[in-house]
Amino acid sequence: MVKTIDWTDGKVVMLDQSRLPIEVVYVECENYLKVAEGIKKLWIRGAPAIGIATAMGVALAAQDIDADGYEGFIRKLEPVLETFLATRPTAVNIHWAVERLRAFLNRRRNETVQKLKELLIEEARKILDEDIQINRAIGLWGAQFINDGDAILTHCNAGSLATGGYGTATAPMLVAREQGKKFSVFADETRPVLQGARLTAWELMQEGITVTLITDNAAGALMKRGEINLAIVGTDRTVLNGDVANKIGTYTVAVMCKEHSIPFYVAAPLSSIDFSIPSGDLIPIEERGSEEVTHIFGTLRIAPEGVQVRNLAFDVTPARYVTAIVTEKGAFRPSDLKALARGDADIEKLRITLKK
């Protein structure tokens, strides 16, 4: 697996994904502002990965705080938390990480400031380790939907590069391969930043998985020709009614899958499910700068100077287009998320399992 992020020698070290696949460069972040910059500039991206980066960035900032006690420590830490919350508004894992750390610290109000600093490092590392295990579990539940000979479509990047390791959408593929299944993957390029072309294709090739790169607008034609059997994507935020926010273009893929009776699966760690939002209509959608669209890699202009640009980074796929949401607890129908949110659901009865 490709190592995306780690805590090493008192620094946060992240793979600069904006340089892939041309260069493999790791950035050493000695302060939290550098970590926040990495999230904002897409050095690190993917909902789970930026949640981990947030936790590590907060732990890094905490080491430089000078305070006499808990209240002073928290007061000085709060602007750090707000900095991370402002980096990427759509991905819920940043909010999840911040709230987890707030609750974590609140339970340790009687600890010394030095102890709180140490505990934050431990908690950030724990979040990284947990993410890898969660992704592995997603793979175990999702591999059942992959058959010998399948051709899988995936959109954007939801592999190890987008997580602590193992990936979300790629996890079922990795487990299916371990189970001896033979399959291939279509990775669409994912304009405008080309995460599919630069990251997914590169990552799957590193894993020895057969991958074919296609343009974003080729998926429908391949579905019509019967060359795609299923689609698996990740998610930056899934909400209570089962609506899914993911990289722009995901909605189009889901609609085409529905038209051609192709299963459309979403790999979603429970940390990326926002049970507080009832509908996808309420998910904030990030819009990014025009140069991502008018230029390639910020240098080569491909559009007329002065042209107006809309660069939505995400879209929302309504639950009716989602075959199943695959989590670390099992695969579920989107309509069953409400039962999971209540906490009183019989998970065994709600799980989707295929008998083969």
Protein backbone atom coordinates (compact mmCIF):
# COMPACT_ATOMS: atom_id res chain seq x y z
CA MET A 1 0.00 0.00 0.00
CA VAL A 2 1.06 3.57 -0.68
CA LYS A 3 1.73 5.51 2.54
CA THR A 4 -0.31 8.72 2.45
CA ILE A 5 0.35 10.35 5.82
CA ASP A 6 2.22 9.64 9.03
CA TRP A 7 3.54 11.23 12.23
CA THR A 8 7.33 11.01 12.15
CA ASP A 9 9.90 12.66 14.45
CA GLY A 10 7.44 15.25 15.69
CA LYS A 11 6.28 16.22 12.19
CA VAL A 12 3.33 15.41 9.95
CA VAL A 13 4.67 13.84 6.77
CA MET A 14 2.29 13.64 3.80
CA LEU A 15 2.59 12.49 0.23
CA ASP A 16 2.13 15.48 -2.10
CA GLN A 17 -0.50 14.00 -4.38
CA SER A 18 -0.58 17.09 -6.57
CA ARG A 19 2.75 15.93 -8.05
CA LEU A 20 1.68 12.38 -8.86
CA PRO A 21 2.28 10.44 -11.03
CA ILE A 22 5.27 12.44 -12.27
CA GLU A 23 6.99 12.70 -8.90
CA VAL A 24 6.68 10.91 -5.57
CA VAL A 25 7.43 13.63 -3.03
CA TYR A 26 6.73 13.65 0.70
CA VAL A 27 6.23 17.01 2.44
CA GLU A 28 7.35 17.49 6.05
CA CYS A 29 4.94 19.76 7.92
CA GLU A 30 6.52 21.34 10.99
CA ASN A 31 3.47 23.44 11.91
CA TYR A 32 -0.30 23.12 11.61
CA LEU A 33 -0.62 25.89 9.01
CA LYS A 34 1.43 23.78 6.62
CA VAL A 35 -0.93 20.83 7.22
CA ALA A 36 -3.96 23.06 6.60
CA GLU A 37 -2.33 24.36 3.41
CA GLY A 38 -1.80 20.76 2.30
CA ILE A 39 -5.51 20.02 2.74
CA LYS A 40 -6.60 23.19 0.93
CA LYS A 41 -4.16 22.75 -1.97
CA LEU A 42 -4.93 19.03 -2.39
CA TRP A 43 -1.49 17.76 -1.39
CA ILE A 44 -3.66 15.40 0.62
CA ARG A 45 -7.27 14.70 -0.32
CA GLY A 46 -9.99 12.14 0.21
CA ALA A 47 -12.40 12.36 3.14
CA PRO A 48 -10.72 9.86 5.52
CA ALA A 49 -7.21 11.14 4.73
CA ILE A 50 -8.02 14.77 5.44
CA GLY A 51 -9.74 13.73 8.67
CA ILE A 52 -6.48 12.06 9.71
CA ALA A 53 -4.49 15.10 8.56
CA THR A 54 -6.75 17.34 10.64
CA ALA A 55 -6.18 15.26 13.79
CA MET A 56 -2.43 15.23 13.23
CA GLY A 57 -2.37 18.95 12.44
CA VAL A 58 -4.22 19.73 15.68
CA ALA A 59 -1.80 17.53 17.64
CA LEU A 60 1.11 19.32 15.97
CA ALA A 61 -0.27 22.75 16.88
CA ALA A 62 -0.86 21.65 20.47
CA GLN A 63 2.85 21.04 21.01
CA ASP A 64 3.56 24.78 20.71
CA ILE A 65 0.80 25.98 23.04
CA ASP A 66 1.95 27.58 26.28
CA ALA A 67 -0.83 27.42 28.87
CA ASP A 68 -1.17 26.96 32.64
CA GLY A 69 -4.17 24.67 32.59
CA TYR A 70 -6.95 23.04 30.63
CA GLU A 71 -9.08 26.13 30.00
CA GLY A 72 -6.16 28.16 28.70
CA PHE A 73 -5.01 25.27 26.55
CA ILE A 74 -8.45 24.83 24.97
CA ARG A 75 -8.83 28.57 24.40
CA LYS A 76 -5.58 28.67 22.42
CA LEU A 77 -6.41 25.47 20.55
CA GLU A 78 -9.82 26.67 19.34
CA PRO A 79 -8.48 28.92 16.51
CA VAL A 80 -6.52 25.92 15.24
CA LEU A 81 -9.71 23.86 15.06
CA GLU A 82 -11.49 26.66 13.20
CA THR A 83 -8.62 26.88 10.71
CA PHE A 84 -9.08 23.24 9.76
CA LEU A 85 -12.87 23.51 9.62
CA ALA A 86 -12.48 26.26 7.01
CA THR A 87 -10.24 24.28 4.63
CA ARG A 88 -12.72 21.98 2.80
CA PRO A 89 -16.43 22.56 3.61
CA THR A 90 -17.99 19.52 1.91
CA ALA A 91 -15.94 16.70 3.46
CA VAL A 92 -17.51 15.75 6.77
CA ASN A 93 -14.43 13.94 8.10
CA ILE A 94 -12.77 17.24 9.02
CA HIS A 95 -15.76 18.09 11.21
CA TRP A 96 -15.79 14.53 12.53
CA ALA A 97 -12.11 14.71 13.51
CA VAL A 98 -12.52 18.11 15.19
CA GLU A 99 -15.55 16.98 17.21
CA ARG A 100 -13.81 13.74 18.17
CA LEU A 101 -10.81 15.68 19.49
CA ARG A 102 -13.02 18.17 21.35
CA ALA A 103 -14.85 15.33 23.10
CA PHE A 104 -11.57 13.52 23.73
CA LEU A 105 -10.06 16.56 25.45
CA ASN A 106 -13.24 17.29 27.41
CA ARG A 107 -13.01 13.85 29.02
CA ARG A 108 -9.47 14.67 30.17
CA ARG A 109 -9.97 18.06 31.78
CA ASN A 110 -7.95 17.05 34.85
CA GLU A 111 -4.80 16.17 32.92
CA THR A 112 -1.78 18.46 32.79
CA VAL A 113 -1.15 20.47 29.65
CA GLN A 114 1.91 18.37 28.87
CA LYS A 115 -0.13 15.20 29.20
CA LEU A 116 -2.84 16.61 26.91
CA LYS A 117 -0.21 17.27 24.26
CA GLU A 118 1.03 13.69 24.46
CA LEU A 119 -2.51 12.30 24.40
CA LEU A 120 -3.40 14.26 21.25
CA ILE A 121 -0.49 12.66 19.39
CA GLU A 122 -1.62 9.23 20.56
CA GLU A 123 -5.21 9.93 19.48
CA ALA A 124 -4.16 11.15 16.03
CA ARG A 125 -2.11 8.00 15.50
CA LYS A 126 -5.06 5.96 16.72
CA ILE A 127 -7.33 7.60 14.14
CA LEU A 128 -4.84 6.60 11.43
CA ASP A 129 -4.66 2.97 12.63
CA GLU A 130 -8.44 2.75 12.98
CA ASP A 131 -8.95 4.04 9.45
CA ILE A 132 -6.81 1.28 7.97
CA GLN A 133 -8.80 -1.37 9.86
CA ILE A 134 -12.10 0.25 8.86
CA ASN A 135 -11.12 0.22 5.20
CA ARG A 136 -10.15 -3.42 5.41
CA ALA A 137 -13.60 -4.19 6.86
CA ILE A 138 -15.28 -2.24 4.04
CA GLY A 139 -13.33 -4.43 1.65
CA LEU A 140 -14.56 -7.62 3.29
CA TRP A 141 -18.22 -6.55 3.04
CA GLY A 142 -17.87 -5.12 -0.45
CA ALA A 143 -15.93 -7.93 -2.13
CA GLN A 144 -19.11 -10.04 -2.28
CA PHE A 145 -20.43 -7.78 -5.06
CA ILE A 146 -17.45 -8.49 -7.34
CA ASN A 147 -17.55 -11.59 -9.54
CA ASP A 148 -14.96 -13.27 -11.71
CA GLY A 149 -14.67 -11.47 -15.02
CA ASP A 150 -16.28 -8.22 -13.83
CA ALA A 151 -15.26 -4.85 -15.16
CA ILE A 152 -15.59 -2.22 -12.43
CA LEU A 153 -15.96 1.51 -13.00
CA THR A 154 -14.61 3.87 -10.34
CA HIS A 155 -14.70 7.66 -10.27
CA CYS A 156 -12.11 10.01 -8.78
CA ASN A 157 -9.78 8.41 -6.21
CA ALA A 158 -10.89 6.50 -3.15
CA GLY A 159 -7.87 4.26 -2.69
CA SER A 160 -5.02 4.22 -0.19
CA LEU A 161 -4.12 7.72 -1.30
CA ALA A 162 -7.48 9.01 -0.06
CA THR A 163 -7.28 7.24 3.30
CA GLY A 164 -4.87 6.04 5.95
CA GLY A 165 -4.40 2.90 3.88
CA TYR A 166 -6.28 0.26 1.85
CA GLY A 167 -8.80 2.74 0.50
CA THR A 168 -12.59 2.74 0.57
CA ALA A 169 -13.79 2.15 -3.01
CA THR A 170 -10.63 0.16 -3.77
CA ALA A 171 -10.86 -1.96 -0.62
CA PRO A 172 -13.43 -4.42 -2.11
CA MET A 173 -11.15 -4.76 -5.14
CA LEU A 174 -8.11 -5.58 -3.02
CA VAL A 175 -10.04 -8.13 -0.94
CA ALA A 176 -11.63 -9.67 -4.05
CA ARG A 177 -8.16 -10.12 -5.49
CA GLU A 178 -7.03 -11.81 -2.26
CA GLN A 179 -10.01 -14.14 -2.69
CA GLY A 180 -8.67 -15.16 -6.10
CA LYS A 181 -11.19 -13.29 -8.23
CA LYS A 182 -10.12 -12.03 -11.66
CA PHE A 183 -11.50 -8.65 -12.68
CA SER A 184 -10.51 -5.36 -14.30
CA VAL A 185 -11.11 -1.70 -13.54
CA PHE A 186 -12.06 1.32 -15.63
CA ALA A 187 -10.81 4.53 -14.01
CA ASP A 188 -12.26 7.70 -15.48
CA GLU A 189 -9.95 10.71 -15.64
CA THR A 190 -12.06 12.88 -13.26
CA ARG A 191 -11.74 16.42 -14.52
CA PRO A 192 -10.64 19.02 -13.70
CA VAL A 193 -7.83 17.87 -11.37
CA LEU A 194 -7.57 14.40 -12.96
CA GLN A 195 -7.54 12.34 -9.77
CA GLY A 196 -8.58 9.27 -11.72
CA ALA A 197 -5.87 9.64 -14.34
CA ARG A 198 -3.09 10.77 -12.02
CA LEU A 199 -3.90 8.88 -8.83
CA THR A 200 -6.30 5.95 -9.27
CA ALA A 201 -4.68 4.59 -12.41
CA TRP A 202 -1.22 4.95 -10.87
CA GLU A 203 -2.26 3.39 -7.57
CA LEU A 204 -4.02 0.38 -9.11
CA MET A 205 -1.01 -0.23 -11.34
CA GLN A 206 1.20 -0.23 -8.23
CA GLU A 207 -1.10 -2.93 -6.82
CA GLY A 208 -0.90 -5.02 -10.00
CA ILE A 209 -4.61 -4.62 -10.79
CA THR A 210 -5.59 -4.40 -14.46
CA VAL A 211 -6.79 -0.84 -15.04
CA THR A 212 -7.90 1.03 -18.15
CA LEU A 213 -8.07 4.83 -18.18
CA ILE A 214 -11.09 6.40 -19.90
CA THR A 215 -12.33 9.94 -20.41
CA ASP A 216 -15.13 11.10 -18.12
CA ASN A 217 -17.66 11.16 -20.95
CA ALA A 218 -16.90 7.61 -22.15
CA ALA A 219 -18.56 5.73 -19.28
CA GLY A 220 -22.09 5.83 -20.72
CA ALA A 221 -20.98 4.45 -24.08
CA LEU A 222 -19.09 1.59 -22.41
CA MET A 223 -22.15 0.78 -20.28
CA LYS A 224 -24.34 0.70 -23.38
CA ARG A 225 -21.87 -1.74 -24.97
CA GLY A 226 -22.10 -4.01 -21.92
CA GLU A 227 -18.46 -3.50 -20.96
CA ILE A 228 -19.09 -2.34 -17.36
CA ASN A 229 -20.68 -4.61 -14.75
CA LEU A 230 -20.71 -2.41 -11.65
CA ALA A 231 -19.50 0.91 -10.26
CA ILE A 232 -17.88 1.53 -6.88
CA VAL A 233 -17.15 5.06 -5.65
CA GLY A 234 -16.19 6.72 -2.39
CA THR A 235 -17.94 9.58 -0.62
CA ASP A 236 -17.05 12.82 1.12
CA ARG A 237 -20.35 13.05 2.96
CA THR A 238 -23.38 10.76 3.02
CA VAL A 239 -26.48 11.98 4.87
CA LEU A 240 -29.42 10.51 6.75
CA ASN A 241 -31.69 9.81 3.78
CA GLY A 242 -28.87 8.08 1.86
CA ASP A 243 -27.98 10.94 -0.49
CA VAL A 244 -24.26 10.90 -1.31
CA ALA A 245 -21.87 13.81 -1.92
CA ASN A 246 -18.80 12.84 -3.89
CA LYS A 247 -16.47 14.24 -6.53
CA ILE A 248 -18.20 16.17 -9.30
CA GLY A 249 -19.36 13.74 -11.98
CA THR A 250 -20.46 11.02 -9.56
CA TYR A 251 -24.12 11.92 -10.07
CA THR A 252 -23.71 11.49 -13.83
CA VAL A 253 -22.15 8.06 -13.34
CA ALA A 254 -24.99 7.01 -11.02
CA VAL A 255 -27.69 8.13 -13.45
CA MET A 256 -26.02 6.21 -16.29
CA CYS A 257 -25.78 3.11 -14.08
CA LYS A 258 -29.51 3.35 -13.34
CA GLU A 259 -30.31 3.71 -17.04
CA HIS A 260 -28.30 0.56 -17.87
CA SER A 261 -29.34 -1.51 -14.81
CA ILE A 262 -25.80 -1.56 -13.45
CA PRO A 263 -25.27 -1.70 -9.66
CA PHE A 264 -23.87 1.51 -8.17
CA TYR A 265 -22.12 1.01 -4.81
CA VAL A 266 -20.81 3.64 -2.42
CA ALA A 267 -17.99 2.76 -0.01
CA ALA A 268 -18.62 4.90 3.07
CA PRO A 269 -16.89 4.60 6.45
CA LEU A 270 -19.37 5.48 9.17
CA SER A 271 -17.26 8.57 9.96
CA SER A 272 -18.27 10.01 6.56
CA ILE A 273 -22.01 9.58 7.23
CA ASP A 274 -23.50 12.79 8.60
CA PHE A 275 -26.63 11.69 10.43
CA SER A 276 -27.34 15.31 11.43
CA ILE A 277 -28.27 16.33 7.88
CA PRO A 278 -31.61 14.93 6.66
CA SER A 279 -31.12 15.49 2.92
CA GLY A 280 -28.37 16.00 0.38
CA ASP A 281 -29.94 19.34 -0.55
CA LEU A 282 -28.40 20.74 2.65
CA ILE A 283 -24.83 19.60 2.01
CA PRO A 284 -22.50 22.58 1.44
CA ILE A 285 -20.82 22.22 -1.95
CA GLU A 286 -17.30 23.56 -2.34
CA GLU A 287 -16.53 25.65 -5.40
CA ARG A 288 -12.87 25.98 -6.31
CA GLY A 289 -10.80 28.39 -8.37
CA SER A 290 -11.23 28.82 -12.11
CA GLU A 291 -7.62 27.94 -12.97
CA GLU A 292 -8.29 24.26 -12.25
CA VAL A 293 -10.60 24.34 -15.26
CA THR A 294 -8.89 26.84 -17.56
CA HIS A 295 -5.39 25.40 -17.08
CA ILE A 296 -3.74 22.00 -16.82
CA PHE A 297 -1.61 21.78 -13.68
CA GLY A 298 -1.97 25.55 -13.32
CA THR A 299 0.45 26.23 -16.18
CA LEU A 300 -0.93 25.27 -19.60
CA ARG A 301 -3.97 27.34 -20.57
CA ILE A 302 -6.66 25.35 -22.41
CA ALA A 303 -9.53 27.89 -22.38
CA PRO A 304 -9.91 31.48 -23.62
CA GLU A 305 -8.63 34.13 -21.27
CA GLY A 306 -11.47 35.84 -19.45
CA VAL A 307 -14.02 33.05 -19.92
CA GLN A 308 -16.46 32.61 -17.04
CA VAL A 309 -16.01 29.37 -15.05
CA ARG A 310 -18.05 27.36 -12.57
CA ASN A 311 -15.88 24.79 -10.79
CA LEU A 312 -18.05 22.75 -8.46
CA ALA A 313 -15.83 20.27 -6.65
CA PHE A 314 -18.66 17.91 -5.64
CA ASP A 315 -22.17 16.88 -6.57
CA VAL A 316 -24.93 15.03 -4.73
CA THR A 317 -26.28 11.67 -5.90
CA PRO A 318 -29.84 11.03 -4.66
CA ALA A 319 -30.31 7.84 -2.68
CA ARG A 320 -32.60 6.35 -5.34
CA TYR A 321 -29.57 5.81 -7.59
CA VAL A 322 -27.51 4.01 -4.91
CA THR A 323 -27.70 0.21 -4.85
CA ALA A 324 -25.96 -0.14 -1.48
CA ILE A 325 -23.74 1.78 0.91
CA VAL A 326 -20.84 -0.39 2.05
CA THR A 327 -19.54 0.45 5.53
CA GLU A 328 -17.26 -1.25 8.01
CA LYS A 329 -20.40 -2.70 9.66
CA GLY A 330 -21.83 -4.16 6.47
CA ALA A 331 -23.58 -3.19 3.23
CA PHE A 332 -26.93 -1.43 3.64
CA ARG A 333 -29.68 0.04 1.52
CA PRO A 334 -29.67 3.85 1.67
CA SER A 335 -33.15 3.78 3.23
CA ASP A 336 -31.78 1.81 6.20
CA LEU A 337 -29.36 4.56 7.32
CA LYS A 338 -32.14 6.09 9.43
CA ALA A 339 -32.40 2.84 11.41
CA LEU A 340 -28.63 2.80 11.88
CA ALA A 341 -28.74 6.39 13.13
CA ARG A 342 -31.26 5.50 15.83
CA GLY A 343 -28.83 2.97 17.25
CA ASP A 344 -31.52 0.36 17.91
CA ALA A 345 -31.39 -1.39 14.55
CA ASP A 346 -30.82 -5.10 14.13
CA ILE A 347 -27.76 -4.81 11.91
CA GLU A 348 -27.82 -8.50 11.04
CA LYS A 349 -31.29 -8.13 9.50
CA LEU A 350 -30.46 -4.92 7.64
CA ARG A 351 -27.23 -6.12 6.06
CA ILE A 352 -27.27 -6.98 2.37
CA THR A 353 -25.54 -10.30 1.79
CA LEU A 354 -25.30 -12.26 -1.42
CA LYS A 355 -25.49 -16.02 -1.44
CA LYS A 356 -23.16 -17.57 -3.99
